[in-house]
PDB file of N, CA and C in Angstrom:
ATOM      1  N   TYR A   1      -1.029   7.736   2.135  1.00  0.00           N
ATOM      2  CA  TYR A   1      -0.558   9.086   1.905  1.00  0.00           C
ATOM      3  C   TYR A   1      -1.080  10.016   2.988  1.00  0.00           C
ATOM      4  N   GLY A   2      -0.297  11.021   3.287  1.00  0.00           N
ATOM      5  CA  GLY A   2      -0.690  11.964   4.314  1.00  0.00           C
ATOM      6  C   GLY A   2      -1.389  13.187   3.760  1.00  0.00           C
ATOM      7  N   THR A   3      -1.031  13.580   2.539  1.00  0.00           N
ATOM      8  CA  THR A   3      -1.631  14.775   1.942  1.00  0.00           C
ATOM      9  C   THR A   3      -1.430  14.728   0.431  1.00  0.00           C
ATOM     10  N   PHE A   4      -2.022  15.666  -0.237  1.00  0.00           N
ATOM     11  CA  PHE A   4      -1.789  15.792  -1.671  1.00  0.00           C
ATOM     12  C   PHE A   4      -1.736  17.263  -2.038  1.00  0.00           C
ATOM     13  N   LYS A   5      -1.146  17.512  -3.190  1.00  0.00           N
ATOM     14  CA  LYS A   5      -0.991  18.888  -3.661  1.00  0.00           C
ATOM     15  C   LYS A   5      -1.416  18.936  -5.123  1.00  0.00           C
ATOM     16  N   PRO A   6      -2.268  19.894  -5.489  1.00  0.00           N
ATOM     17  CA  PRO A   6      -2.611  20.019  -6.905  1.00  0.00           C
ATOM     18  C   PRO A   6      -1.388  20.455  -7.702  1.00  0.00           C
ATOM     19  N   PHE A   7      -1.247  19.898  -8.886  1.00  0.00           N
ATOM     20  CA  PHE A   7      -0.073  20.162  -9.713  1.00  0.00           C
ATOM     21  C   PHE A   7      -0.534  20.398 -11.148  1.00  0.00           C
ATOM     22  N   ILE A   8      -0.384  21.599 -11.639  1.00  0.00           N
ATOM     23  CA  ILE A   8      -0.798  21.927 -13.004  1.00  0.00           C
ATOM     24  C   ILE A   8       0.312  21.514 -13.959  1.00  0.00           C
ATOM     25  N   GLN A   9       0.022  20.516 -14.805  1.00  0.00           N
ATOM     26  CA  GLN A   9       1.029  20.042 -15.750  1.00  0.00           C
ATOM     27  C   GLN A   9       1.136  20.951 -16.970  1.00  0.00           C
ATOM     28  N   ASN A  10       0.013  21.454 -17.445  1.00  0.00           N
ATOM     29  CA  ASN A  10       0.014  22.329 -18.620  1.00  0.00           C
ATOM     30  C   ASN A  10       0.200  23.773 -18.163  1.00  0.00           C
ATOM     31  N   LYS A  11       1.427  24.222 -18.124  1.00  0.00           N
ATOM     32  CA  LYS A  11       1.738  25.573 -17.641  1.00  0.00           C
ATOM     33  C   LYS A  11       1.173  26.669 -18.549  1.00  0.00           C
ATOM     34  N   LYS A  12       0.817  26.328 -19.791  1.00  0.00           N
ATOM     35  CA  LYS A  12       0.285  27.314 -20.729  1.00  0.00           C
ATOM     36  C   LYS A  12      -1.243  27.405 -20.679  1.00  0.00           C
ATOM     37  N   MET A  13      -1.881  26.586 -19.841  1.00  0.00           N
ATOM     38  CA  MET A  13      -3.337  26.601 -19.748  1.00  0.00           C
ATOM     39  C   MET A  13      -3.826  27.977 -19.294  1.00  0.00           C
ATOM     40  N   GLU A  14      -4.857  28.459 -19.950  1.00  0.00           N
ATOM     41  CA  GLU A  14      -5.422  29.761 -19.597  1.00  0.00           C
ATOM     42  C   GLU A  14      -6.052  29.700 -18.206  1.00  0.00           C
ATOM     43  N   ARG A  15      -5.803  30.723 -17.389  1.00  0.00           N
ATOM     44  CA  ARG A  15      -6.425  30.842 -16.067  1.00  0.00           C
ATOM     45  C   ARG A  15      -7.621  31.770 -16.198  1.00  0.00           C
ATOM     46  N   VAL A  16      -8.734  31.368 -15.625  1.00  0.00           N
ATOM     47  CA  VAL A  16      -9.959  32.164 -15.690  1.00  0.00           C
ATOM     48  C   VAL A  16     -10.455  32.430 -14.273  1.00  0.00           C
ATOM     49  N   PRO A  17     -11.296  33.441 -14.078  1.00  0.00           N
ATOM     50  CA  PRO A  17     -11.802  33.714 -12.732  1.00  0.00           C
ATOM     51  C   PRO A  17     -12.534  32.510 -12.142  1.00  0.00           C
ATOM     52  N   PHE A  18     -12.399  32.340 -10.853  1.00  0.00           N
ATOM     53  CA  PHE A  18     -13.020  31.246 -10.113  1.00  0.00           C
ATOM     54  C   PHE A  18     -14.542  31.374 -10.099  1.00  0.00           C
ATOM     55  N   ILE A  19     -15.024  32.596 -10.044  1.00  0.00           N
ATOM     56  CA  ILE A  19     -16.464  32.847 -10.032  1.00  0.00           C
ATOM     57  C   ILE A  19     -16.806  33.876 -11.098  1.00  0.00           C
ATOM     58  N   ASP A  20     -18.048  33.821 -11.554  1.00  0.00           N
ATOM     59  CA  ASP A  20     -18.500  34.743 -12.589  1.00  0.00           C
ATOM     60  C   ASP A  20     -19.647  35.580 -12.029  1.00  0.00           C
ATOM     61  N   LEU A  21     -19.292  36.559 -11.224  1.00  0.00           N
ATOM     62  CA  LEU A  21     -20.275  37.467 -10.639  1.00  0.00           C
ATOM     63  C   LEU A  21     -19.902  38.891 -11.017  1.00  0.00           C
ATOM     64  N   SER A  22     -20.910  39.731 -11.239  1.00  0.00           N
ATOM     65  CA  SER A  22     -20.633  41.072 -11.747  1.00  0.00           C
ATOM     66  C   SER A  22     -20.668  42.219 -10.739  1.00  0.00           C
ATOM     67  N   PRO A  23     -21.128  42.039  -9.479  1.00  0.00           N
ATOM     68  CA  PRO A  23     -21.114  43.197  -8.569  1.00  0.00           C
ATOM     69  C   PRO A  23     -19.707  43.783  -8.422  1.00  0.00           C
ATOM     70  N   GLY A  24     -19.644  45.102  -8.248  1.00  0.00           N
ATOM     71  CA  GLY A  24     -18.363  45.790  -8.154  1.00  0.00           C
ATOM     72  C   GLY A  24     -17.477  45.271  -7.044  1.00  0.00           C
ATOM     73  N   TYR A  25     -18.061  44.966  -5.863  1.00  0.00           N
ATOM     74  CA  TYR A  25     -17.232  44.490  -4.759  1.00  0.00           C
ATOM     75  C   TYR A  25     -16.609  43.133  -5.070  1.00  0.00           C
ATOM     76  N   VAL A  26     -17.288  42.322  -5.868  1.00  0.00           N
ATOM     77  CA  VAL A  26     -16.710  41.034  -6.274  1.00  0.00           C
ATOM     78  C   VAL A  26     -15.605  41.280  -7.293  1.00  0.00           C
ATOM     79  N   GLN A  27     -15.863  42.118  -8.269  1.00  0.00           N
ATOM     80  CA  GLN A  27     -14.874  42.413  -9.304  1.00  0.00           C
ATOM     81  C   GLN A  27     -13.595  43.004  -8.714  1.00  0.00           C
ATOM     82  N   ARG A  28     -13.733  43.873  -7.712  1.00  0.00           N
ATOM     83  CA  ARG A  28     -12.552  44.484  -7.084  1.00  0.00           C
ATOM     84  C   ARG A  28     -11.721  43.451  -6.324  1.00  0.00           C
ATOM     85  N   GLY A  29     -12.348  42.421  -5.802  1.00  0.00           N
ATOM     86  CA  GLY A  29     -11.627  41.421  -5.020  1.00  0.00           C
ATOM     87  C   GLY A  29     -11.241  40.178  -5.790  1.00  0.00           C
ATOM     88  N   LEU A  30     -11.550  40.131  -7.088  1.00  0.00           N
ATOM     89  CA  LEU A  30     -11.308  38.925  -7.875  1.00  0.00           C
ATOM     90  C   LEU A  30      -9.856  38.474  -7.883  1.00  0.00           C
ATOM     91  N   ALA A  31      -8.933  39.394  -7.796  1.00  0.00           N
ATOM     92  CA  ALA A  31      -7.506  39.029  -7.806  1.00  0.00           C
ATOM     93  C   ALA A  31      -7.135  38.210  -6.569  1.00  0.00           C
ATOM     94  N   GLN A  32      -7.932  38.310  -5.511  1.00  0.00           N
ATOM     95  CA  GLN A  32      -7.644  37.582  -4.272  1.00  0.00           C
ATOM     96  C   GLN A  32      -8.166  36.147  -4.311  1.00  0.00           C
ATOM     97  N   PHE A  33      -9.057  35.838  -5.252  1.00  0.00           N
ATOM     98  CA  PHE A  33      -9.638  34.507  -5.354  1.00  0.00           C
ATOM     99  C   PHE A  33      -8.700  33.570  -6.112  1.00  0.00           C
ATOM    100  N   PRO A  34      -8.799  32.265  -5.858  1.00  0.00           N
ATOM    101  CA  PRO A  34      -8.030  31.322  -6.676  1.00  0.00           C
ATOM    102  C   PRO A  34      -8.567  31.340  -8.106  1.00  0.00           C
ATOM    103  N   LYS A  35      -7.758  30.898  -9.029  1.00  0.00           N
ATOM    104  CA  LYS A  35      -8.160  30.853 -10.433  1.00  0.00           C
ATOM    105  C   LYS A  35      -8.619  29.446 -10.792  1.00  0.00           C
ATOM    106  N   ALA A  36      -9.451  29.360 -11.813  1.00  0.00           N
ATOM    107  CA  ALA A  36      -9.849  28.085 -12.393  1.00  0.00           C
ATOM    108  C   ALA A  36      -9.092  27.945 -13.711  1.00  0.00           C
ATOM    109  N   GLY A  37      -9.192  26.773 -14.301  1.00  0.00           N
ATOM    110  CA  GLY A  37      -8.539  26.546 -15.580  1.00  0.00           C
ATOM    111  C   GLY A  37      -9.562  26.295 -16.670  1.00  0.00           C
ATOM    112  N   THR A  38      -9.085  26.022 -17.852  1.00  0.00           N
ATOM    113  CA  THR A  38      -9.973  25.802 -18.994  1.00  0.00           C
ATOM    114  C   THR A  38     -10.002  24.350 -19.442  1.00  0.00           C
ATOM    115  N   GLU A  39      -9.299  23.474 -18.717  1.00  0.00           N
ATOM    116  CA  GLU A  39      -9.284  22.060 -19.104  1.00  0.00           C
ATOM    117  C   GLU A  39      -9.081  21.166 -17.888  1.00  0.00           C
ATOM    118  N   GLY A  40      -9.449  19.902 -18.068  1.00  0.00           N
ATOM    119  CA  GLY A  40      -9.231  18.895 -17.028  1.00  0.00           C
ATOM    120  C   GLY A  40      -9.912  19.202 -15.713  1.00  0.00           C
ATOM    121  N   PRO A  41      -9.287  18.792 -14.615  1.00  0.00           N
ATOM    122  CA  PRO A  41      -9.915  18.980 -13.304  1.00  0.00           C
ATOM    123  C   PRO A  41      -9.945  20.432 -12.848  1.00  0.00           C
ATOM    124  N   TRP A  42      -9.370  21.320 -13.612  1.00  0.00           N
ATOM    125  CA  TRP A  42      -9.303  22.730 -13.212  1.00  0.00           C
ATOM    126  C   TRP A  42     -10.520  23.524 -13.662  1.00  0.00           C
ATOM    127  N   THR A  43     -11.427  22.888 -14.399  1.00  0.00           N
ATOM    128  CA  THR A  43     -12.635  23.579 -14.844  1.00  0.00           C
ATOM    129  C   THR A  43     -13.681  23.569 -13.734  1.00  0.00           C
ATOM    130  N   LEU A  44     -14.553  24.551 -13.752  1.00  0.00           N
ATOM    131  CA  LEU A  44     -15.639  24.640 -12.776  1.00  0.00           C
ATOM    132  C   LEU A  44     -16.962  24.759 -13.510  1.00  0.00           C
ATOM    133  N   GLN A  45     -17.940  23.984 -13.057  1.00  0.00           N
ATOM    134  CA  GLN A  45     -19.262  24.046 -13.666  1.00  0.00           C
ATOM    135  C   GLN A  45     -20.247  24.843 -12.814  1.00  0.00           C
ATOM    136  N   HIS A  46     -20.006  24.906 -11.503  1.00  0.00           N
ATOM    137  CA  HIS A  46     -20.929  25.550 -10.560  1.00  0.00           C
ATOM    138  C   HIS A  46     -22.331  24.955 -10.693  1.00  0.00           C
ATOM    139  N   ALA A  47     -22.381  23.638 -10.873  1.00  0.00           N
ATOM    140  CA  ALA A  47     -23.648  22.914 -10.966  1.00  0.00           C
ATOM    141  C   ALA A  47     -23.563  21.725 -10.014  1.00  0.00           C
ATOM    142  N   TYR A  48     -24.449  21.675  -9.039  1.00  0.00           N
ATOM    143  CA  TYR A  48     -24.403  20.651  -8.000  1.00  0.00           C
ATOM    144  C   TYR A  48     -24.358  19.245  -8.585  1.00  0.00           C
ATOM    145  N   GLU A  49     -25.227  18.954  -9.557  1.00  0.00           N
ATOM    146  CA  GLU A  49     -25.301  17.604 -10.118  1.00  0.00           C
ATOM    147  C   GLU A  49     -23.967  17.200 -10.751  1.00  0.00           C
ATOM    148  N   HIS A  50     -23.382  18.102 -11.491  1.00  0.00           N
ATOM    149  CA  HIS A  50     -22.106  17.815 -12.149  1.00  0.00           C
ATOM    150  C   HIS A  50     -20.999  17.618 -11.117  1.00  0.00           C
ATOM    151  N   ASP A  51     -20.920  18.528 -10.156  1.00  0.00           N
ATOM    152  CA  ASP A  51     -19.886  18.434  -9.124  1.00  0.00           C
ATOM    153  C   ASP A  51     -20.043  17.159  -8.305  1.00  0.00           C
ATOM    154  N   PHE A  52     -21.276  16.790  -7.973  1.00  0.00           N
ATOM    155  CA  PHE A  52     -21.538  15.585  -7.190  1.00  0.00           C
ATOM    156  C   PHE A  52     -21.019  14.351  -7.925  1.00  0.00           C
ATOM    157  N   GLU A  53     -21.377  14.214  -9.189  1.00  0.00           N
ATOM    158  CA  GLU A  53     -20.925  13.065  -9.982  1.00  0.00           C
ATOM    159  C   GLU A  53     -19.404  13.042 -10.101  1.00  0.00           C
ATOM    160  N   ARG A  54     -18.840  14.185 -10.360  1.00  0.00           N
ATOM    161  CA  ARG A  54     -17.387  14.279 -10.550  1.00  0.00           C
ATOM    162  C   ARG A  54     -16.630  13.921  -9.271  1.00  0.00           C
ATOM    163  N   LEU A  55     -17.110  14.412  -8.130  1.00  0.00           N
ATOM    164  CA  LEU A  55     -16.431  14.139  -6.866  1.00  0.00           C
ATOM    165  C   LEU A  55     -16.675  12.724  -6.369  1.00  0.00           C
ATOM    166  N   ARG A  56     -17.861  12.186  -6.586  1.00  0.00           N
ATOM    167  CA  ARG A  56     -18.184  10.849  -6.095  1.00  0.00           C
ATOM    168  C   ARG A  56     -17.654   9.741  -7.002  1.00  0.00           C
ATOM    169  N   LYS A  57     -17.692   9.961  -8.307  1.00  0.00           N
ATOM    170  CA  LYS A  57     -17.363   8.888  -9.244  1.00  0.00           C
ATOM    171  C   LYS A  57     -16.137   9.167 -10.100  1.00  0.00           C
ATOM    172  N   GLY A  58     -15.577  10.349  -9.976  1.00  0.00           N
ATOM    173  CA  GLY A  58     -14.401  10.697 -10.766  1.00  0.00           C
ATOM    174  C   GLY A  58     -13.149  10.013 -10.236  1.00  0.00           C
ATOM    175  N   PRO A  59     -12.094   9.969 -11.026  1.00  0.00           N
ATOM    176  CA  PRO A  59     -10.857   9.312 -10.589  1.00  0.00           C
ATOM    177  C   PRO A  59     -10.149  10.103  -9.489  1.00  0.00           C
ATOM    178  N   VAL A  60      -9.578   9.362  -8.559  1.00  0.00           N
ATOM    179  CA  VAL A  60      -8.780   9.992  -7.505  1.00  0.00           C
ATOM    180  C   VAL A  60      -7.319  10.012  -7.930  1.00  0.00           C
ATOM    181  N   ASN A  61      -6.898   8.959  -8.593  1.00  0.00           N
ATOM    182  CA  ASN A  61      -5.520   8.871  -9.059  1.00  0.00           C
ATOM    183  C   ASN A  61      -5.399   9.670 -10.357  1.00  0.00           C
ATOM    184  N   ASP A  62      -5.196  10.947 -10.214  1.00  0.00           N
ATOM    185  CA  ASP A  62      -5.146  11.863 -11.344  1.00  0.00           C
ATOM    186  C   ASP A  62      -3.732  12.413 -11.466  1.00  0.00           C
ATOM    187  N   PRO A  63      -3.181  12.508 -12.671  1.00  0.00           N
ATOM    188  CA  PRO A  63      -1.824  13.039 -12.813  1.00  0.00           C
ATOM    189  C   PRO A  63      -1.696  14.495 -12.360  1.00  0.00           C
ATOM    190  N   GLU A  64      -2.820  15.175 -12.177  1.00  0.00           N
ATOM    191  CA  GLU A  64      -2.793  16.564 -11.715  1.00  0.00           C
ATOM    192  C   GLU A  64      -2.694  16.660 -10.192  1.00  0.00           C
ATOM    193  N   LEU A  65      -2.678  15.518  -9.502  1.00  0.00           N
ATOM    194  CA  LEU A  65      -2.543  15.498  -8.042  1.00  0.00           C
ATOM    195  C   LEU A  65      -1.229  14.834  -7.666  1.00  0.00           C
ATOM    196  N   LEU A  66      -0.469  15.496  -6.841  1.00  0.00           N
ATOM    197  CA  LEU A  66       0.795  14.964  -6.352  1.00  0.00           C
ATOM    198  C   LEU A  66       0.556  14.458  -4.929  1.00  0.00           C
ATOM    199  N   PHE A  67       0.564  13.133  -4.749  1.00  0.00           N
ATOM    200  CA  PHE A  67       0.332  12.541  -3.436  1.00  0.00           C
ATOM    201  C   PHE A  67       1.642  12.471  -2.667  1.00  0.00           C
ATOM    202  N   ILE A  68       1.591  12.844  -1.389  1.00  0.00           N
ATOM    203  CA  ILE A  68       2.779  12.900  -0.543  1.00  0.00           C
ATOM    204  C   ILE A  68       2.606  11.939   0.619  1.00  0.00           C
ATOM    205  N   LYS A  69       3.598  11.077   0.809  1.00  0.00           N
ATOM    206  CA  LYS A  69       3.516  10.095   1.891  1.00  0.00           C
ATOM    207  C   LYS A  69       3.612  10.768   3.247  1.00  0.00           C
ATOM    208  N   ARG A  70       2.924  10.183   4.203  1.00  0.00           N
ATOM    209  CA  ARG A  70       2.972  10.677   5.575  1.00  0.00           C
ATOM    210  C   ARG A  70       4.355  10.382   6.143  1.00  0.00           C
ATOM    211  N   LEU A  71       4.956  11.366   6.775  1.00  0.00           N
ATOM    212  CA  LEU A  71       6.296  11.198   7.326  1.00  0.00           C
ATOM    213  C   LEU A  71       6.287  10.372   8.599  1.00  0.00           C
ATOM    214  N   SER A  72       5.265  10.549   9.412  1.00  0.00           N
ATOM    215  CA  SER A  72       5.226   9.883  10.704  1.00  0.00           C
ATOM    216  C   SER A  72       3.785   9.579  11.061  1.00  0.00           C
ATOM    217  N   LYS A  73       3.598   8.532  11.855  1.00  0.00           N
ATOM    218  CA  LYS A  73       2.252   8.204  12.304  1.00  0.00           C
ATOM    219  C   LYS A  73       1.914   8.907  13.606  1.00  0.00           C
ATOM    220  N   LYS A  74       2.859   9.707  14.122  1.00  0.00           N
ATOM    221  CA  LYS A  74       2.605  10.454  15.344  1.00  0.00           C
ATOM    222  C   LYS A  74       1.567  11.529  15.074  1.00  0.00           C
ATOM    223  N   LYS A  75       0.773  11.830  16.096  1.00  0.00           N
ATOM    224  CA  LYS A  75      -0.194  12.912  15.966  1.00  0.00           C
ATOM    225  C   LYS A  75       0.549  14.240  15.970  1.00  0.00           C
ATOM    226  N   LEU A  76       0.088  15.138  15.146  1.00  0.00           N
ATOM    227  CA  LEU A  76       0.686  16.463  15.103  1.00  0.00           C
ATOM    228  C   LEU A  76       0.121  17.301  16.236  1.00  0.00           C
ATOM    229  N   SER A  77       0.960  18.078  16.872  1.00  0.00           N
ATOM    230  CA  SER A  77       0.474  18.951  17.937  1.00  0.00           C
ATOM    231  C   SER A  77      -0.025  20.254  17.328  1.00  0.00           C
ATOM    232  N   VAL A  78      -0.973  20.865  17.985  1.00  0.00           N
ATOM    233  CA  VAL A  78      -1.527  22.126  17.526  1.00  0.00           C
ATOM    234  C   VAL A  78      -0.677  23.251  18.086  1.00  0.00           C
ATOM    235  N   MET A  79      -0.273  24.151  17.215  1.00  0.00           N
ATOM    236  CA  MET A  79       0.538  25.274  17.656  1.00  0.00           C
ATOM    237  C   MET A  79      -0.366  26.310  18.319  1.00  0.00           C
ATOM    238  N   ASN A  80       0.003  26.747  19.505  1.00  0.00           N
ATOM    239  CA  ASN A  80      -0.797  27.724  20.232  1.00  0.00           C
ATOM    240  C   ASN A  80      -0.628  29.110  19.632  1.00  0.00           C
ATOM    241  N   GLU A  81      -1.694  29.896  19.692  1.00  0.00           N
ATOM    242  CA  GLU A  81      -1.626  31.294  19.274  1.00  0.00           C
ATOM    243  C   GLU A  81      -0.737  32.043  20.251  1.00  0.00           C
ATOM    244  N   PRO A  82       0.090  32.959  19.788  1.00  0.00           N
ATOM    245  CA  PRO A  82       0.941  33.710  20.717  1.00  0.00           C
ATOM    246  C   PRO A  82       0.087  34.589  21.629  1.00  0.00           C
ATOM    247  N   SER A  83       0.493  34.664  22.873  1.00  0.00           N
ATOM    248  CA  SER A  83      -0.237  35.501  23.822  1.00  0.00           C
ATOM    249  C   SER A  83       0.139  36.965  23.604  1.00  0.00           C
ATOM    250  N   THR A  84      -0.632  37.859  24.193  1.00  0.00           N
ATOM    251  CA  THR A  84      -0.353  39.295  24.097  1.00  0.00           C
ATOM    252  C   THR A  84       1.018  39.610  24.662  1.00  0.00           C
ATOM    253  N   LYS A  85       1.404  38.937  25.756  1.00  0.00           N
ATOM    254  CA  LYS A  85       2.718  39.167  26.369  1.00  0.00           C
ATOM    255  C   LYS A  85       3.834  38.794  25.399  1.00  0.00           C
ATOM    256  N   GLN A  86       3.684  37.661  24.703  1.00  0.00           N
ATOM    257  CA  GLN A  86       4.712  37.224  23.763  1.00  0.00           C
ATOM    258  C   GLN A  86       4.848  38.213  22.606  1.00  0.00           C
ATOM    259  N   ILE A  87       3.728  38.719  22.128  1.00  0.00           N
ATOM    260  CA  ILE A  87       3.764  39.666  21.013  1.00  0.00           C
ATOM    261  C   ILE A  87       4.436  40.967  21.440  1.00  0.00           C
ATOM    262  N   LYS A  88       4.092  41.471  22.645  1.00  0.00           N
ATOM    263  CA  LYS A  88       4.695  42.709  23.141  1.00  0.00           C
ATOM    264  C   LYS A  88       6.188  42.533  23.386  1.00  0.00           C
ATOM    265  N   ALA A  89       6.601  41.336  23.850  1.00  0.00           N
ATOM    266  CA  ALA A  89       8.013  41.079  24.121  1.00  0.00           C
ATOM    267  C   ALA A  89       8.829  41.081  22.830  1.00  0.00           C
ATOM    268  N   GLN A  90       8.213  40.664  21.721  1.00  0.00           N
ATOM    269  CA  GLN A  90       8.916  40.624  20.435  1.00  0.00           C
ATOM    270  C   GLN A  90       9.033  42.008  19.812  1.00  0.00           C
ATOM    271  N   ALA A  91       8.162  42.926  20.205  1.00  0.00           N
ATOM    272  CA  ALA A  91       8.136  44.268  19.588  1.00  0.00           C
ATOM    273  C   ALA A  91       9.282  45.139  20.034  1.00  0.00           C
TER     274      ALA A  91
END
């Protein structure tokens, strides 16, 4: 496989904040963070020991992951950042 995509099967699962911090600057930006879930692989413990065990020994073949086959064995080229001249020409 070339890549995988997380796939939430239970569309009714409650979404909860990714982090639980109370400073105002965090609270104001919380909408920009990804959400966690309340069940399955979408839960977060924020505990190194738990995360280590889960990532090292947990299943990889999970129905919540959609594996996508690689289209080609060719190396992908890196797209160059547009130069200032190109940006000005488009304006």
